[in-house]
Amino acid sequence: MKKYKCKCGGIIEQGRCLVEDFLVSCMKCNKCEERLFTPDQTKELIRLRDANKVVEGERKIIKVGSSIAALLPKKINNYGIEAGLIDTVRILSKNSLEIQFKKEIVK
C-alpha cells in the first residue's frame, strides 16, 4: 500500500478509530493522530449508524434456566443476528459489555 504523508510530517496509516462511539476503520497519522476516512470507511460508519438505530435502546434482561438473556428487537434479524451466533463476550467498562459475533453483521 502506498504511504501518504500528513501535513505535520507524519505517515498516514490504516487504523481503527472511535467515532461517535463506533469503532471503525480509518486512516490515521502516526504523529499528530489526525483521522481521515476513505469513501468505503465513510460508508461503513453510515451503515453502523443506521444499524444502531434498530438496536439502540433499553432492553430487558430475563432469566432463562440458570442463565440470563437480553431481549433484542425482531428487526435485528435483518442483520443476520440469530440464536447461537455469539463468539465472545467481555467486559469493557464498569457498565458495558462487548458482544462479538463470529461473522460481520453490518456489511
N, C-alpha and C. Protein backbone atom coordinates (compact mmCIF):
# COMPACT_ATOMS: atom_id res chain seq x y z
N MET A 1 0.85 -1.18 0.00
CA MET A 1 0.00 0.00 0.00
C MET A 1 0.89 1.24 0.00
N LYS A 2 0.50 2.22 -0.78
CA LYS A 2 1.26 3.46 -0.88
C LYS A 2 1.18 4.23 0.44
N LYS A 3 2.31 4.80 0.86
CA LYS A 3 2.36 5.60 2.09
C LYS A 3 2.09 7.06 1.75
N TYR A 4 1.27 7.70 2.58
CA TYR A 4 0.97 9.11 2.40
C TYR A 4 1.49 9.88 3.60
N LYS A 5 1.97 11.09 3.34
CA LYS A 5 2.47 11.95 4.42
C LYS A 5 1.38 12.92 4.86
N CYS A 6 1.34 13.14 6.16
CA CYS A 6 0.43 14.11 6.75
C CYS A 6 1.08 15.49 6.66
N LYS A 7 0.29 16.54 6.77
CA LYS A 7 0.83 17.90 6.72
C LYS A 7 1.79 18.17 7.88
N CYS A 8 1.72 17.36 8.98
CA CYS A 8 2.62 17.53 10.11
C CYS A 8 3.95 16.82 9.90
N GLY A 9 4.03 16.01 8.83
CA GLY A 9 5.26 15.26 8.54
C GLY A 9 5.15 13.79 8.92
N GLY A 10 4.10 13.40 9.60
CA GLY A 10 3.88 12.01 9.98
C GLY A 10 3.41 11.18 8.79
N ILE A 11 3.25 9.89 9.02
CA ILE A 11 2.80 8.97 7.98
C ILE A 11 1.34 8.60 8.26
N ILE A 12 0.52 8.62 7.22
CA ILE A 12 -0.89 8.23 7.32
C ILE A 12 -0.95 6.71 7.18
N GLU A 13 -1.53 6.04 8.19
CA GLU A 13 -1.60 4.58 8.20
C GLU A 13 -3.03 4.12 8.45
N GLN A 14 -3.32 2.90 7.99
CA GLN A 14 -4.61 2.26 8.27
C GLN A 14 -4.69 2.00 9.77
N GLY A 15 -5.86 2.27 10.35
CA GLY A 15 -6.02 2.04 11.78
C GLY A 15 -7.48 1.88 12.15
N ARG A 16 -7.77 1.93 13.44
CA ARG A 16 -9.13 1.87 13.97
C ARG A 16 -9.34 3.14 14.79
N CYS A 17 -10.49 3.76 14.63
CA CYS A 17 -10.82 5.00 15.33
C CYS A 17 -12.16 4.87 16.02
N LEU A 18 -12.30 5.53 17.13
CA LEU A 18 -13.57 5.62 17.82
C LEU A 18 -14.24 6.91 17.36
N VAL A 19 -15.35 6.77 16.64
CA VAL A 19 -16.09 7.92 16.10
C VAL A 19 -17.55 7.77 16.52
N GLU A 20 -18.03 8.76 17.29
CA GLU A 20 -19.42 8.72 17.76
C GLU A 20 -19.73 7.40 18.47
N ASP A 21 -18.81 6.88 19.24
CA ASP A 21 -18.93 5.62 19.97
C ASP A 21 -18.92 4.38 19.07
N PHE A 22 -18.54 4.52 17.80
CA PHE A 22 -18.40 3.39 16.90
C PHE A 22 -16.91 3.16 16.64
N LEU A 23 -16.47 1.92 16.71
CA LEU A 23 -15.09 1.58 16.38
C LEU A 23 -15.05 1.22 14.90
N VAL A 24 -14.42 2.07 14.10
CA VAL A 24 -14.42 1.91 12.64
C VAL A 24 -13.00 1.99 12.08
N SER A 25 -12.85 1.48 10.86
CA SER A 25 -11.59 1.61 10.15
C SER A 25 -11.39 3.07 9.76
N CYS A 26 -10.15 3.51 9.78
CA CYS A 26 -9.84 4.89 9.38
C CYS A 26 -8.39 4.96 8.92
N MET A 27 -8.02 6.10 8.44
CA MET A 27 -6.63 6.39 8.11
C MET A 27 -6.19 7.40 9.17
N LYS A 28 -5.05 7.14 9.82
CA LYS A 28 -4.65 7.96 10.96
C LYS A 28 -3.17 8.30 10.87
N CYS A 29 -2.82 9.54 11.19
CA CYS A 29 -1.43 9.98 11.20
C CYS A 29 -0.75 9.38 12.43
N ASN A 30 0.44 8.82 12.23
CA ASN A 30 1.16 8.21 13.35
C ASN A 30 1.85 9.25 14.23
N LYS A 31 1.77 10.51 13.86
CA LYS A 31 2.41 11.57 14.64
C LYS A 31 1.37 12.45 15.35
N CYS A 32 0.49 13.09 14.57
CA CYS A 32 -0.48 14.02 15.16
C CYS A 32 -1.84 13.37 15.41
N GLU A 33 -2.03 12.14 14.93
CA GLU A 33 -3.26 11.36 15.09
C GLU A 33 -4.46 11.95 14.36
N GLU A 34 -4.23 12.83 13.37
CA GLU A 34 -5.35 13.31 12.56
C GLU A 34 -6.00 12.11 11.89
N ARG A 35 -7.33 12.11 11.83
CA ARG A 35 -8.07 10.99 11.25
C ARG A 35 -8.65 11.40 9.91
N LEU A 36 -8.53 10.51 8.95
CA LEU A 36 -9.09 10.70 7.61
C LEU A 36 -9.86 9.43 7.27
N PHE A 37 -10.84 9.56 6.36
CA PHE A 37 -11.66 8.41 6.01
C PHE A 37 -11.74 8.26 4.51
N THR A 38 -11.58 7.02 4.04
CA THR A 38 -11.78 6.72 2.63
C THR A 38 -13.30 6.66 2.40
N PRO A 39 -13.74 6.69 1.13
CA PRO A 39 -15.17 6.55 0.87
C PRO A 39 -15.77 5.26 1.47
N ASP A 40 -15.05 4.14 1.37
CA ASP A 40 -15.54 2.88 1.95
C ASP A 40 -15.63 2.95 3.47
N GLN A 41 -14.67 3.59 4.11
CA GLN A 41 -14.70 3.74 5.57
C GLN A 41 -15.87 4.63 6.00
N THR A 42 -16.16 5.66 5.21
CA THR A 42 -17.30 6.53 5.49
C THR A 42 -18.60 5.76 5.36
N LYS A 43 -18.72 4.92 4.33
CA LYS A 43 -19.91 4.09 4.14
C LYS A 43 -20.09 3.14 5.33
N GLU A 44 -18.97 2.58 5.83
CA GLU A 44 -19.03 1.69 6.99
C GLU A 44 -19.62 2.42 8.20
N LEU A 45 -19.18 3.64 8.45
CA LEU A 45 -19.70 4.42 9.57
C LEU A 45 -21.20 4.70 9.40
N ILE A 46 -21.62 5.04 8.20
CA ILE A 46 -23.04 5.30 7.93
C ILE A 46 -23.87 4.04 8.15
N ARG A 47 -23.38 2.88 7.69
CA ARG A 47 -24.11 1.62 7.89
C ARG A 47 -24.23 1.30 9.38
N LEU A 48 -23.17 1.56 10.15
CA LEU A 48 -23.23 1.31 11.58
C LEU A 48 -24.24 2.22 12.27
N ARG A 49 -24.26 3.48 11.88
CA ARG A 49 -25.25 4.43 12.44
C ARG A 49 -26.67 3.94 12.18
N ASP A 50 -26.94 3.53 10.93
CA ASP A 50 -28.27 3.06 10.57
C ASP A 50 -28.65 1.79 11.34
N ALA A 51 -27.72 0.85 11.45
CA ALA A 51 -27.98 -0.40 12.18
C ALA A 51 -28.22 -0.11 13.65
N ASN A 52 -27.50 0.83 14.20
CA ASN A 52 -27.63 1.16 15.62
C ASN A 52 -29.03 1.71 15.94
N LYS A 53 -29.64 2.39 14.99
CA LYS A 53 -30.99 2.92 15.20
C LYS A 53 -31.98 1.79 15.48
N VAL A 54 -31.75 0.61 14.90
CA VAL A 54 -32.62 -0.55 15.10
C VAL A 54 -32.41 -1.17 16.48
N VAL A 55 -31.16 -1.18 16.95
CA VAL A 55 -30.80 -1.91 18.17
C VAL A 55 -30.81 -1.05 19.42
N GLU A 56 -30.43 0.21 19.29
CA GLU A 56 -30.22 1.06 20.46
C GLU A 56 -31.50 1.23 21.27
N GLY A 57 -31.36 1.21 22.57
CA GLY A 57 -32.48 1.41 23.48
C GLY A 57 -32.38 0.48 24.67
N GLU A 58 -33.27 0.68 25.61
CA GLU A 58 -33.28 -0.18 26.79
C GLU A 58 -33.76 -1.56 26.40
N ARG A 59 -33.15 -2.56 26.96
CA ARG A 59 -33.52 -3.96 26.71
C ARG A 59 -33.73 -4.65 28.04
N LYS A 60 -34.66 -5.54 28.06
CA LYS A 60 -34.96 -6.29 29.27
C LYS A 60 -34.03 -7.49 29.36
N ILE A 61 -33.49 -7.72 30.56
CA ILE A 61 -32.69 -8.91 30.84
C ILE A 61 -33.62 -9.90 31.55
N ILE A 62 -33.68 -11.12 31.03
CA ILE A 62 -34.57 -12.12 31.62
C ILE A 62 -33.77 -13.33 32.10
N LYS A 63 -34.36 -14.10 33.00
CA LYS A 63 -33.74 -15.33 33.49
C LYS A 63 -34.22 -16.48 32.62
N VAL A 64 -33.27 -17.29 32.15
CA VAL A 64 -33.57 -18.46 31.33
C VAL A 64 -32.85 -19.64 31.98
N GLY A 65 -33.57 -20.45 32.73
CA GLY A 65 -32.94 -21.53 33.47
C GLY A 65 -31.98 -20.95 34.49
N SER A 66 -30.72 -21.37 34.43
CA SER A 66 -29.72 -20.83 35.36
C SER A 66 -28.89 -19.71 34.73
N SER A 67 -29.31 -19.24 33.55
CA SER A 67 -28.60 -18.18 32.84
C SER A 67 -29.49 -16.95 32.72
N ILE A 68 -28.93 -15.88 32.13
CA ILE A 68 -29.73 -14.70 31.81
C ILE A 68 -29.58 -14.42 30.32
N ALA A 69 -30.53 -13.67 29.77
CA ALA A 69 -30.51 -13.33 28.35
C ALA A 69 -31.05 -11.93 28.17
N ALA A 70 -30.59 -11.25 27.12
CA ALA A 70 -31.10 -9.92 26.78
C ALA A 70 -32.07 -10.07 25.61
N LEU A 71 -33.21 -9.43 25.71
CA LEU A 71 -34.19 -9.46 24.63
C LEU A 71 -33.84 -8.39 23.60
N LEU A 72 -33.75 -8.80 22.35
CA LEU A 72 -33.42 -7.90 21.25
C LEU A 72 -34.62 -7.78 20.32
N PRO A 73 -34.77 -6.65 19.62
CA PRO A 73 -35.91 -6.49 18.73
C PRO A 73 -35.84 -7.43 17.54
N LYS A 74 -37.01 -7.87 17.06
CA LYS A 74 -37.07 -8.80 15.93
C LYS A 74 -36.40 -8.24 14.68
N LYS A 75 -36.42 -6.90 14.50
CA LYS A 75 -35.80 -6.27 13.33
C LYS A 75 -34.31 -6.60 13.20
N ILE A 76 -33.70 -7.03 14.30
CA ILE A 76 -32.27 -7.33 14.27
C ILE A 76 -31.97 -8.53 13.37
N ASN A 77 -32.99 -9.35 13.10
CA ASN A 77 -32.81 -10.48 12.18
C ASN A 77 -32.39 -10.02 10.79
N ASN A 78 -32.75 -8.78 10.43
CA ASN A 78 -32.36 -8.23 9.12
C ASN A 78 -30.84 -8.16 8.98
N TYR A 79 -30.12 -8.18 10.08
CA TYR A 79 -28.66 -8.12 10.06
C TYR A 79 -28.03 -9.49 10.24
N GLY A 80 -28.83 -10.54 10.18
CA GLY A 80 -28.31 -11.90 10.28
C GLY A 80 -28.01 -12.35 11.70
N ILE A 81 -28.48 -11.60 12.67
CA ILE A 81 -28.26 -11.99 14.07
C ILE A 81 -29.31 -13.02 14.44
N GLU A 82 -28.83 -14.15 14.92
CA GLU A 82 -29.73 -15.23 15.32
C GLU A 82 -29.16 -15.96 16.52
N ALA A 83 -29.97 -16.78 17.14
CA ALA A 83 -29.53 -17.54 18.32
C ALA A 83 -28.29 -18.38 17.97
N GLY A 84 -27.34 -18.40 18.87
CA GLY A 84 -26.14 -19.21 18.69
C GLY A 84 -25.03 -18.54 17.92
N LEU A 85 -25.17 -17.28 17.55
CA LEU A 85 -24.20 -16.60 16.70
C LEU A 85 -23.04 -15.98 17.46
N ILE A 86 -23.16 -15.77 18.75
CA ILE A 86 -22.12 -15.08 19.53
C ILE A 86 -20.84 -15.89 19.60
N ASP A 87 -19.72 -15.20 19.50
CA ASP A 87 -18.40 -15.81 19.62
C ASP A 87 -17.82 -15.54 20.99
N THR A 88 -17.73 -14.26 21.37
CA THR A 88 -17.15 -13.91 22.68
C THR A 88 -17.91 -12.76 23.33
N VAL A 89 -17.87 -12.73 24.64
CA VAL A 89 -18.43 -11.64 25.42
C VAL A 89 -17.35 -11.22 26.40
N ARG A 90 -17.15 -9.91 26.56
CA ARG A 90 -16.16 -9.44 27.53
C ARG A 90 -16.62 -8.11 28.13
N ILE A 91 -16.12 -7.83 29.31
CA ILE A 91 -16.44 -6.58 29.99
C ILE A 91 -15.54 -5.48 29.44
N LEU A 92 -16.14 -4.35 29.04
CA LEU A 92 -15.39 -3.21 28.53
C LEU A 92 -15.16 -2.14 29.58
N SER A 93 -16.14 -1.94 30.45
CA SER A 93 -16.03 -0.93 31.48
C SER A 93 -16.93 -1.33 32.65
N LYS A 94 -17.06 -0.45 33.61
CA LYS A 94 -17.89 -0.73 34.78
C LYS A 94 -19.35 -1.00 34.42
N ASN A 95 -19.80 -0.44 33.29
CA ASN A 95 -21.21 -0.61 32.95
C ASN A 95 -21.45 -1.00 31.48
N SER A 96 -20.49 -1.68 30.86
CA SER A 96 -20.72 -2.09 29.47
C SER A 96 -20.04 -3.42 29.15
N LEU A 97 -20.68 -4.15 28.25
CA LEU A 97 -20.17 -5.41 27.74
C LEU A 97 -19.95 -5.29 26.23
N GLU A 98 -19.04 -6.08 25.71
CA GLU A 98 -18.89 -6.20 24.27
C GLU A 98 -19.33 -7.60 23.90
N ILE A 99 -20.20 -7.70 22.93
CA ILE A 99 -20.62 -8.99 22.37
C ILE A 99 -20.06 -9.05 20.97
N GLN A 100 -19.22 -10.02 20.71
CA GLN A 100 -18.59 -10.12 19.40
C GLN A 100 -19.13 -11.36 18.69
N PHE A 101 -19.50 -11.18 17.41
CA PHE A 101 -20.08 -12.25 16.64
C PHE A 101 -19.03 -12.91 15.77
N LYS A 102 -19.30 -14.15 15.34
CA LYS A 102 -18.38 -14.92 14.54
C LYS A 102 -18.30 -14.39 13.10
N LYS A 103 -19.32 -13.62 12.69
CA LYS A 103 -19.33 -13.08 11.32
C LYS A 103 -19.73 -11.61 11.38
N GLU A 104 -19.46 -10.89 10.30
CA GLU A 104 -19.87 -9.49 10.21
C GLU A 104 -21.39 -9.42 10.18
N ILE A 105 -21.96 -8.51 10.95
CA ILE A 105 -23.42 -8.39 10.95
C ILE A 105 -23.87 -7.14 10.20
N VAL A 106 -22.99 -6.18 10.02
CA VAL A 106 -23.30 -4.98 9.24
C VAL A 106 -22.28 -4.92 8.12
N LYS A 107 -22.77 -5.02 6.89
CA LYS A 107 -21.86 -5.04 5.73
C LYS A 107 -22.07 -3.85 4.86
